[in-house]
C-alpha atoms as a PDB file:
ATOM      1  CA  MET A   1    -134.554  15.955  97.634  1.00  0.00           C
ATOM      2  CA  THR A   2    -131.295  15.926  95.671  1.00  0.00           C
ATOM      3  CA  SER A   3    -130.805  15.564  91.956  1.00  0.00           C
ATOM      4  CA  VAL A   4    -128.066  15.121  89.419  1.00  0.00           C
ATOM      5  CA  VAL A   5    -127.070  18.274  87.568  1.00  0.00           C
ATOM      6  CA  ASP A   6    -126.495  17.900  83.835  1.00  0.00           C
ATOM      7  CA  THR A   7    -124.313  20.916  83.127  1.00  0.00           C
ATOM      8  CA  PRO A   8    -121.004  22.105  84.588  1.00  0.00           C
ATOM      9  CA  THR A   9    -121.197  24.950  87.075  1.00  0.00           C
ATOM     10  CA  VAL A  10    -118.626  27.738  86.849  1.00  0.00           C
ATOM     11  CA  PHE A  11    -118.706  30.854  89.010  1.00  0.00           C
ATOM     12  CA  ALA A  12    -117.249  34.228  88.136  1.00  0.00           C
ATOM     13  CA  ARG A  13    -114.462  35.497  90.363  1.00  0.00           C
ATOM     14  CA  GLU A  14    -112.440  38.641  90.938  1.00  0.00           C
ATOM     15  CA  THR A  15    -108.959  37.665  92.113  1.00  0.00           C
ATOM     16  CA  PRO A  16    -105.357  38.436  91.235  1.00  0.00           C
ATOM     17  CA  ALA A  17    -104.015  36.595  88.189  1.00  0.00           C
ATOM     18  CA  LEU A  18    -103.255  32.992  89.035  1.00  0.00           C
ATOM     19  CA  SER A  19     -99.629  31.971  88.802  1.00  0.00           C
ATOM     20  CA  VAL A  20     -99.847  28.487  90.374  1.00  0.00           C
ATOM     21  CA  VAL A  21    -102.255  25.597  89.814  1.00  0.00           C
ATOM     22  CA  LEU A  22    -102.096  22.671  92.220  1.00  0.00           C
ATOM     23  CA  PHE A  23    -103.664  19.270  91.649  1.00  0.00           C
ATOM     24  CA  ASP A  24    -104.849  16.331  93.634  1.00  0.00           C
ATOM     25  CA  LEU A  25    -103.288  13.157  92.236  1.00  0.00           C
ATOM     26  CA  ASP A  26    -105.529  10.105  92.692  1.00  0.00           C
ATOM     27  CA  ASP A  27    -108.675  10.186  90.541  1.00  0.00           C
ATOM     28  CA  THR A  28    -107.893  13.709  89.392  1.00  0.00           C
ATOM     29  CA  LEU A  29    -104.825  13.134  87.217  1.00  0.00           C
ATOM     30  CA  PHE A  30    -104.110   9.483  87.953  1.00  0.00           C
ATOM     31  CA  ALA A  31    -106.859   6.915  87.256  1.00  0.00           C
ATOM     32  CA  HIS A  32    -106.579   5.329  90.689  1.00  0.00           C
ATOM     33  CA  ARG A  33    -110.050   3.849  91.021  1.00  0.00           C
ATOM     34  CA  ALA A  34    -109.881   2.227  87.585  1.00  0.00           C
ATOM     35  CA  ALA A  35    -106.468   0.742  88.415  1.00  0.00           C
ATOM     36  CA  VAL A  36    -107.758  -0.611  91.720  1.00  0.00           C
ATOM     37  CA  THR A  37    -110.768  -2.229  90.054  1.00  0.00           C
ATOM     38  CA  THR A  38    -108.590  -3.850  87.402  1.00  0.00           C
ATOM     39  CA  ALA A  39    -106.030  -5.024  89.952  1.00  0.00           C
ATOM     40  CA  ILE A  40    -108.425  -6.596  92.436  1.00  0.00           C
ATOM     41  CA  GLY A  41    -110.171  -8.395  89.579  1.00  0.00           C
ATOM     42  CA  SER A  42    -106.902  -9.797  88.257  1.00  0.00           C
ATOM     43  CA  TYR A  43    -105.724 -10.771  91.729  1.00  0.00           C
ATOM     44  CA  ARG A  44    -108.982 -12.524  92.636  1.00  0.00           C
ATOM     45  CA  ALA A  45    -108.704 -14.599  89.482  1.00  0.00           C
ATOM     46  CA  ALA A  46    -105.168 -15.599  90.419  1.00  0.00           C
ATOM     47  CA  LEU A  47    -106.220 -16.595  93.950  1.00  0.00           C
ATOM     48  CA  GLY A  48    -108.482 -19.340  92.664  1.00  0.00           C
ATOM     49  CA  ASP A  49    -111.613 -21.042  93.957  1.00  0.00           C
ATOM     50  CA  SER A  50    -111.688 -19.589  97.465  1.00  0.00           C
ATOM     51  CA  TYR A  51    -112.297 -16.121  96.016  1.00  0.00           C
ATOM     52  CA  ALA A  52    -114.334 -17.064  92.958  1.00  0.00           C
ATOM     53  CA  ARG A  53    -117.853 -17.130  94.355  1.00  0.00           C
ATOM     54  CA  GLU A  54    -118.394 -13.379  94.754  1.00  0.00           C
ATOM     55  CA  ASP A  55    -119.608 -11.220  91.871  1.00  0.00           C
ATOM     56  CA  GLU A  56    -116.703  -9.187  90.478  1.00  0.00           C
ATOM     57  CA  HIS A  57    -118.529  -5.864  90.841  1.00  0.00           C
ATOM     58  CA  ALA A  58    -119.454  -6.597  94.448  1.00  0.00           C
ATOM     59  CA  ALA A  59    -115.876  -7.618  95.202  1.00  0.00           C
ATOM     60  CA  ALA A  60    -114.477  -4.439  93.650  1.00  0.00           C
ATOM     61  CA  ARG A  61    -116.995  -2.314  95.561  1.00  0.00           C
ATOM     62  CA  ARG A  62    -116.044  -3.980  98.843  1.00  0.00           C
ATOM     63  CA  TRP A  63    -112.331  -3.477  98.163  1.00  0.00           C
ATOM     64  CA  HIS A  64    -112.930   0.228  97.501  1.00  0.00           C
ATOM     65  CA  GLN A  65    -114.880   0.470 100.779  1.00  0.00           C
ATOM     66  CA  LEU A  66    -112.023  -1.150 102.687  1.00  0.00           C
ATOM     67  CA  GLU A  67    -109.594   1.299 101.131  1.00  0.00           C
ATOM     68  CA  GLU A  68    -111.751   4.285 102.101  1.00  0.00           C
ATOM     69  CA  LYS A  69    -112.123   3.026 105.674  1.00  0.00           C
ATOM     70  CA  HIS A  70    -108.556   2.035 106.468  1.00  0.00           C
ATOM     71  CA  TYR A  71    -106.754   4.694 104.437  1.00  0.00           C
ATOM     72  CA  HIS A  72    -108.719   7.306 106.383  1.00  0.00           C
ATOM     73  CA  ARG A  73    -107.512   5.650 109.577  1.00  0.00           C
ATOM     74  CA  TYR A  74    -103.941   6.047 108.290  1.00  0.00           C
ATOM     75  CA  LEU A  75    -104.522   9.726 107.463  1.00  0.00           C
ATOM     76  CA  THR A  76    -105.801  10.397 110.978  1.00  0.00           C
ATOM     77  CA  GLY A  77    -102.783   8.657 112.518  1.00  0.00           C
ATOM     78  CA  GLU A  78    -104.704   5.676 113.878  1.00  0.00           C
ATOM     79  CA  LEU A  79    -102.789   3.225 111.663  1.00  0.00           C
ATOM     80  CA  SER A  80     -99.355   3.257 110.082  1.00  0.00           C
ATOM     81  CA  TYR A  81     -99.052   3.044 106.300  1.00  0.00           C
ATOM     82  CA  ALA A  82     -98.170  -0.662 106.512  1.00  0.00           C
ATOM     83  CA  GLU A  83    -100.962  -1.365 108.998  1.00  0.00           C
ATOM     84  CA  GLN A  84    -103.677   0.119 106.788  1.00  0.00           C
ATOM     85  CA  ARG A  85    -102.528  -2.174 103.970  1.00  0.00           C
ATOM     86  CA  ARG A  86    -102.711  -5.207 106.272  1.00  0.00           C
ATOM     87  CA  GLU A  87    -106.186  -4.257 107.465  1.00  0.00           C
ATOM     88  CA  ARG A  88    -107.430  -3.966 103.905  1.00  0.00           C
ATOM     89  CA  ALA A  89    -106.045  -7.397 103.019  1.00  0.00           C
ATOM     90  CA  ARG A  90    -107.471  -8.955 106.195  1.00  0.00           C
ATOM     91  CA  GLY A  91    -110.874  -7.388 105.665  1.00  0.00           C
ATOM     92  CA  PHE A  92    -111.105  -8.696 102.136  1.00  0.00           C
ATOM     93  CA  ALA A  93    -109.918 -12.212 102.983  1.00  0.00           C
ATOM     94  CA  GLU A  94    -112.224 -12.520 105.987  1.00  0.00           C
ATOM     95  CA  GLU A  95    -115.240 -12.391 103.689  1.00  0.00           C
ATOM     96  CA  TYR A  96    -114.070 -15.730 102.331  1.00  0.00           C
ATOM     97  CA  GLY A  97    -113.460 -17.252 105.764  1.00  0.00           C
ATOM     98  CA  LEU A  98    -109.693 -16.722 105.616  1.00  0.00           C
ATOM     99  CA  LEU A  99    -107.750 -15.228 108.540  1.00  0.00           C
ATOM    100  CA  LEU A 100    -104.382 -13.654 107.750  1.00  0.00           C
ATOM    101  CA  GLU A 101    -101.443 -13.216 110.108  1.00  0.00           C
ATOM    102  CA  ASP A 102     -99.339 -10.074 109.687  1.00  0.00           C
ATOM    103  CA  HIS A 103     -96.823 -11.688 107.335  1.00  0.00           C
ATOM    104  CA  GLU A 104     -99.624 -13.288 105.318  1.00  0.00           C
ATOM    105  CA  ALA A 105    -101.475  -9.990 105.017  1.00  0.00           C
ATOM    106  CA  ASP A 106     -98.267  -8.297 103.884  1.00  0.00           C
ATOM    107  CA  ALA A 107     -97.686 -10.963 101.229  1.00  0.00           C
ATOM    108  CA  TRP A 108    -101.343 -10.779 100.150  1.00  0.00           C
ATOM    109  CA  PHE A 109    -101.204  -7.017  99.684  1.00  0.00           C
ATOM    110  CA  ASP A 110     -97.818  -7.143  97.933  1.00  0.00           C
ATOM    111  CA  ALA A 111     -99.212  -9.562  95.355  1.00  0.00           C
ATOM    112  CA  TYR A 112    -102.291  -7.372  94.811  1.00  0.00           C
ATOM    113  CA  PHE A 113    -100.074  -4.304  94.590  1.00  0.00           C
ATOM    114  CA  ARG A 114     -98.090  -5.767  91.690  1.00  0.00           C
ATOM    115  CA  GLU A 115    -101.340  -6.018  89.740  1.00  0.00           C
ATOM    116  CA  TYR A 116    -102.229  -2.461  90.737  1.00  0.00           C
ATOM    117  CA  VAL A 117     -98.939  -1.087  89.403  1.00  0.00           C
ATOM    118  CA  LYS A 118     -99.487  -2.865  86.079  1.00  0.00           C
ATOM    119  CA  ALA A 119    -102.788  -0.986  85.725  1.00  0.00           C
ATOM    120  CA  TRP A 120    -101.439   2.533  86.383  1.00  0.00           C
ATOM    121  CA  MET A 121    -102.526   5.162  83.860  1.00  0.00           C
ATOM    122  CA  LEU A 122    -103.465   8.822  83.564  1.00  0.00           C
ATOM    123  CA  HIS A 123    -106.964  10.045  82.906  1.00  0.00           C
ATOM    124  CA  GLY A 124    -107.260  10.894  79.234  1.00  0.00           C
ATOM    125  CA  ASP A 125    -107.723  14.623  79.865  1.00  0.00           C
ATOM    126  CA  ALA A 126    -104.789  15.024  82.264  1.00  0.00           C
ATOM    127  CA  LEU A 127    -101.750  15.539  80.067  1.00  0.00           C
ATOM    128  CA  GLY A 128    -103.438  17.977  77.699  1.00  0.00           C
ATOM    129  CA  CYS A 129    -104.599  20.106  80.633  1.00  0.00           C
ATOM    130  CA  LEU A 130    -101.151  20.155  82.222  1.00  0.00           C
ATOM    131  CA  ASN A 131     -99.434  21.043  78.950  1.00  0.00           C
ATOM    132  CA  THR A 132    -101.930  23.835  78.273  1.00  0.00           C
ATOM    133  CA  LEU A 133    -101.337  25.389  81.689  1.00  0.00           C
ATOM    134  CA  ALA A 134     -97.565  25.032  81.412  1.00  0.00           C
ATOM    135  CA  ALA A 135     -97.606  26.660  77.967  1.00  0.00           C
ATOM    136  CA  ALA A 136     -99.511  29.598  79.488  1.00  0.00           C
ATOM    137  CA  GLY A 137     -96.693  30.087  82.006  1.00  0.00           C
ATOM    138  CA  VAL A 138     -98.541  28.619  84.981  1.00  0.00           C
ATOM    139  CA  ARG A 139     -96.446  26.838  87.598  1.00  0.00           C
ATOM    140  CA  LEU A 140     -97.730  23.392  88.556  1.00  0.00           C
ATOM    141  CA  GLY A 141     -97.703  21.315  91.730  1.00  0.00           C
ATOM    142  CA  ILE A 142     -99.336  18.424  93.556  1.00  0.00           C
ATOM    143  CA  ILE A 143    -100.974  18.233  96.973  1.00  0.00           C
ATOM    144  CA  THR A 144    -101.943  14.678  97.865  1.00  0.00           C
ATOM    145  CA  ASN A 145    -102.994  12.772 100.952  1.00  0.00           C
ATOM    146  CA  GLY A 146    -100.528   9.908 100.986  1.00  0.00           C
ATOM    147  CA  ASP A 147     -96.968   8.714 101.354  1.00  0.00           C
ATOM    148  CA  LEU A 148     -94.372  10.901  99.605  1.00  0.00           C
ATOM    149  CA  ALA A 149     -92.269   8.072  98.149  1.00  0.00           C
ATOM    150  CA  PHE A 150     -95.300   6.152  96.907  1.00  0.00           C
ATOM    151  CA  GLN A 151     -97.060   9.125  95.343  1.00  0.00           C
ATOM    152  CA  THR A 152     -93.801  10.308  93.766  1.00  0.00           C
ATOM    153  CA  SER A 153     -93.317   6.857  92.238  1.00  0.00           C
ATOM    154  CA  LYS A 154     -96.646   7.241  90.411  1.00  0.00           C
ATOM    155  CA  ILE A 155     -95.669  10.657  89.102  1.00  0.00           C
ATOM    156  CA  GLU A 156     -92.301   9.382  87.889  1.00  0.00           C
ATOM    157  CA  ARG A 157     -93.652   6.202  86.305  1.00  0.00           C
ATOM    158  CA  LEU A 158     -96.268   8.177  84.373  1.00  0.00           C
ATOM    159  CA  GLY A 159     -93.665  10.653  83.109  1.00  0.00           C
ATOM    160  CA  LEU A 160     -95.102  13.699  84.881  1.00  0.00           C
ATOM    161  CA  GLU A 161     -92.153  14.629  87.079  1.00  0.00           C
ATOM    162  CA  PRO A 162     -90.761  17.395  84.789  1.00  0.00           C
ATOM    163  CA  LEU A 163     -94.094  19.231  84.876  1.00  0.00           C
ATOM    164  CA  PHE A 164     -94.345  19.661  88.645  1.00  0.00           C
ATOM    165  CA  GLU A 165     -92.282  22.113  90.636  1.00  0.00           C
ATOM    166  CA  HIS A 166     -93.321  20.751  94.046  1.00  0.00           C
ATOM    167  CA  VAL A 167     -95.093  17.656  95.374  1.00  0.00           C
ATOM    168  CA  ILE A 168     -96.590  18.095  98.850  1.00  0.00           C
ATOM    169  CA  THR A 169     -97.925  15.059 100.729  1.00  0.00           C
ATOM    170  CA  SER A 170     -99.688  14.519 104.019  1.00  0.00           C
ATOM    171  CA  GLY A 171     -97.220  11.740 104.787  1.00  0.00           C
ATOM    172  CA  GLU A 172     -94.285  14.140 104.996  1.00  0.00           C
ATOM    173  CA  LEU A 173     -96.136  16.891 106.855  1.00  0.00           C
ATOM    174  CA  GLY A 174     -98.222  14.951 109.363  1.00  0.00           C
ATOM    175  CA  TYR A 175    -101.517  16.599 108.466  1.00  0.00           C
ATOM    176  CA  ALA A 176    -103.884  15.968 105.573  1.00  0.00           C
ATOM    177  CA  LYS A 177    -106.411  17.728 103.371  1.00  0.00           C
ATOM    178  CA  PRO A 178    -108.714  19.498 104.141  1.00  0.00           C
ATOM    179  CA  ASP A 179    -106.455  20.920 106.878  1.00  0.00           C
ATOM    180  CA  ALA A 180    -105.602  24.466 105.761  1.00  0.00           C
ATOM    181  CA  ARG A 181    -101.972  23.961 106.763  1.00  0.00           C
ATOM    182  CA  ILE A 182    -101.252  21.663 103.825  1.00  0.00           C
ATOM    183  CA  PHE A 183    -102.493  24.291 101.371  1.00  0.00           C
ATOM    184  CA  ASP A 184    -100.582  27.001 103.237  1.00  0.00           C
ATOM    185  CA  GLU A 185     -97.395  24.936 103.000  1.00  0.00           C
ATOM    186  CA  ALA A 186     -97.837  24.497  99.254  1.00  0.00           C
ATOM    187  CA  CYS A 187     -98.213  28.246  98.764  1.00  0.00           C
ATOM    188  CA  ARG A 188     -95.164  28.870 100.963  1.00  0.00           C
ATOM    189  CA  ARG A 189     -93.032  26.534  98.837  1.00  0.00           C
ATOM    190  CA  PHE A 190     -94.136  28.295  95.670  1.00  0.00           C
ATOM    191  CA  GLY A 191     -93.661  31.713  97.268  1.00  0.00           C
ATOM    192  CA  VAL A 192     -97.170  32.934  96.407  1.00  0.00           C
ATOM    193  CA  GLU A 193    -100.201  34.172  98.269  1.00  0.00           C
ATOM    194  CA  PRO A 194    -103.132  31.719  98.439  1.00  0.00           C
ATOM    195  CA  SER A 195    -105.182  34.072  96.230  1.00  0.00           C
ATOM    196  CA  GLN A 196    -102.636  33.509  93.448  1.00  0.00           C
ATOM    197  CA  ALA A 197    -103.145  29.731  93.456  1.00  0.00           C
ATOM    198  CA  ALA A 198    -105.880  27.305  92.445  1.00  0.00           C
ATOM    199  CA  TYR A 199    -106.384  23.736  93.573  1.00  0.00           C
ATOM    200  CA  VAL A 200    -108.405  21.118  91.695  1.00  0.00           C
ATOM    201  CA  GLY A 201    -109.484  17.729  93.012  1.00  0.00           C
ATOM    202  CA  ASP A 202    -112.180  15.090  92.700  1.00  0.00           C
ATOM    203  CA  ARG A 203    -113.485  15.418  96.289  1.00  0.00           C
ATOM    204  CA  LEU A 204    -115.702  18.391  96.997  1.00  0.00           C
ATOM    205  CA  ARG A 205    -115.028  18.912 100.695  1.00  0.00           C
ATOM    206  CA  THR A 206    -111.560  17.418 101.082  1.00  0.00           C
ATOM    207  CA  ASP A 207    -110.151  19.092  97.991  1.00  0.00           C
ATOM    208  CA  ALA A 208    -112.155  22.016  96.643  1.00  0.00           C
ATOM    209  CA  ILE A 209    -113.842  23.403  99.761  1.00  0.00           C
ATOM    210  CA  GLY A 210    -110.723  22.684 101.819  1.00  0.00           C
ATOM    211  CA  ALA A 211    -108.623  24.724  99.386  1.00  0.00           C
ATOM    212  CA  ALA A 212    -111.180  27.536  99.241  1.00  0.00           C
ATOM    213  CA  GLY A 213    -111.197  27.696 103.026  1.00  0.00           C
ATOM    214  CA  ALA A 214    -107.433  28.245 102.928  1.00  0.00           C
ATOM    215  CA  GLY A 215    -107.829  31.149 100.512  1.00  0.00           C
ATOM    216  CA  LEU A 216    -107.089  29.388  97.219  1.00  0.00           C
ATOM    217  CA  ILE A 217    -109.465  29.010  94.285  1.00  0.00           C
ATOM    218  CA  GLY A 218    -110.851  25.535  94.943  1.00  0.00           C
ATOM    219  CA  VAL A 219    -112.171  23.635  91.914  1.00  0.00           C
ATOM    220  CA  TRP A 220    -114.218  20.453  92.129  1.00  0.00           C
ATOM    221  CA  LEU A 221    -113.716  17.912  89.329  1.00  0.00           C
ATOM    222  CA  ASP A 222    -117.018  16.024  89.206  1.00  0.00           C
ATOM    223  CA  ARG A 223    -116.059  13.480  86.536  1.00  0.00           C
ATOM    224  CA  HIS A 224    -119.227  11.424  86.838  1.00  0.00           C
ATOM    225  CA  GLY A 225    -121.685  14.299  86.841  1.00  0.00           C
ATOM    226  CA  SER A 226    -122.997  13.149  90.200  1.00  0.00           C
ATOM    227  CA  ALA A 227    -123.193  16.546  91.910  1.00  0.00           C
ATOM    228  CA  THR A 228    -126.385  16.845  93.954  1.00  0.00           C
ATOM    229  CA  ILE A 229    -128.304  20.010  94.727  1.00  0.00           C
ATOM    230  CA  THR A 230    -126.840  19.919  98.248  1.00  0.00           C
ATOM    231  CA  GLU A 231    -123.312  19.716  96.827  1.00  0.00           C
ATOM    232  CA  ILE A 232    -124.000  22.404  94.237  1.00  0.00           C
ATOM    233  CA  MET A 233    -125.144  24.744  96.994  1.00  0.00           C
ATOM    234  CA  ALA A 234    -122.135  23.901  99.188  1.00  0.00           C
ATOM    235  CA  ALA A 235    -119.850  24.657  96.250  1.00  0.00           C
ATOM    236  CA  ARG A 236    -121.657  27.922  95.528  1.00  0.00           C
ATOM    237  CA  VAL A 237    -121.383  29.091  99.139  1.00  0.00           C
ATOM    238  CA  SER A 238    -117.639  28.389  99.054  1.00  0.00           C
ATOM    239  CA  GLY A 239    -117.126  29.981  95.622  1.00  0.00           C
ATOM    240  CA  VAL A 240    -116.060  26.637  94.154  1.00  0.00           C
ATOM    241  CA  PRO A 241    -116.407  26.089  90.380  1.00  0.00           C
ATOM    242  CA  ILE A 242    -117.573  22.632  89.319  1.00  0.00           C
ATOM    243  CA  ILE A 243    -116.128  21.079  86.167  1.00  0.00           C
ATOM    244  CA  ARG A 244    -116.740  17.712  84.528  1.00  0.00           C
ATOM    245  CA  THR A 245    -113.398  17.339  82.779  1.00  0.00           C
ATOM    246  CA  LEU A 246    -109.939  18.866  83.068  1.00  0.00           C
ATOM    247  CA  GLU A 247    -110.472  20.279  79.578  1.00  0.00           C
ATOM    248  CA  GLU A 248    -112.751  22.845  81.291  1.00  0.00           C
ATOM    249  CA  LEU A 249    -110.216  23.884  83.920  1.00  0.00           C
ATOM    250  CA  SER A 250    -108.445  26.734  82.125  1.00  0.00           C
ATOM    251  CA  ALA A 251    -111.709  28.528  81.380  1.00  0.00           C
ATOM    252  CA  ALA A 252    -113.011  27.934  84.909  1.00  0.00           C
ATOM    253  CA  ILE A 253    -110.010  29.621  86.520  1.00  0.00           C
ATOM    254  CA  GLY A 254    -109.480  32.305  83.872  1.00  0.00           C
ATOM    255  CA  VAL A 255    -106.213  31.036  82.392  1.00  0.00           C
ATOM    256  CA  ARG A 256    -105.768  31.801  78.693  1.00  0.00           C
ATOM    257  CA  ALA A 257    -103.675  29.383  76.649  1.00  0.00           C
END
């Protein structure tokens, strides 16, 4: 049986002083899921009666499921970046009895995407955490599974670009988290050993355990406090601290402001 844990879990460590902290982008710093939910709701309303019958929460849940499914197919090389967008649009429209040709799916996704961009925002704890680490002399970077130009556009629009020394994406490298090579490449660009770097992300295995397996300090950001006993044990085995908010990060990795 699994259960929700009510307190953050932080594990002691004995490592060289950290000089680099790397972050996942979506749902770690950038409020991606909230923006998606807002955008698909706004877009459904604009589409009119054909899309009106489904409950808004069910529609948002289904859109998130389509994103998980087809974006993973993109990350594994099964689909191109454009194709995964088309498949998401097609999958959503099919529920309403609508079949989209390629050009229609592209137009559908482009219209949704405009609503998504309008909803872009940081999580409330992101900027304070980044400024605290920067003030302590820590170098900052991003490792994200996605397209370099697209992910960089988020960073620039949200005013974060000056804070990050390097942005590493799966789209430019051809391999994705949790592949150790993406973490190795980040450390190479910063010129540090993995033991001198930490990586924090909202996915336990893809982000935190993946980073720990590559020799970094992997930190799992469990924003919703949904960690189960199974996940707690997996984190413990991998030496992964669990935090609920980025305000806890500095203490979890031993960085003093």
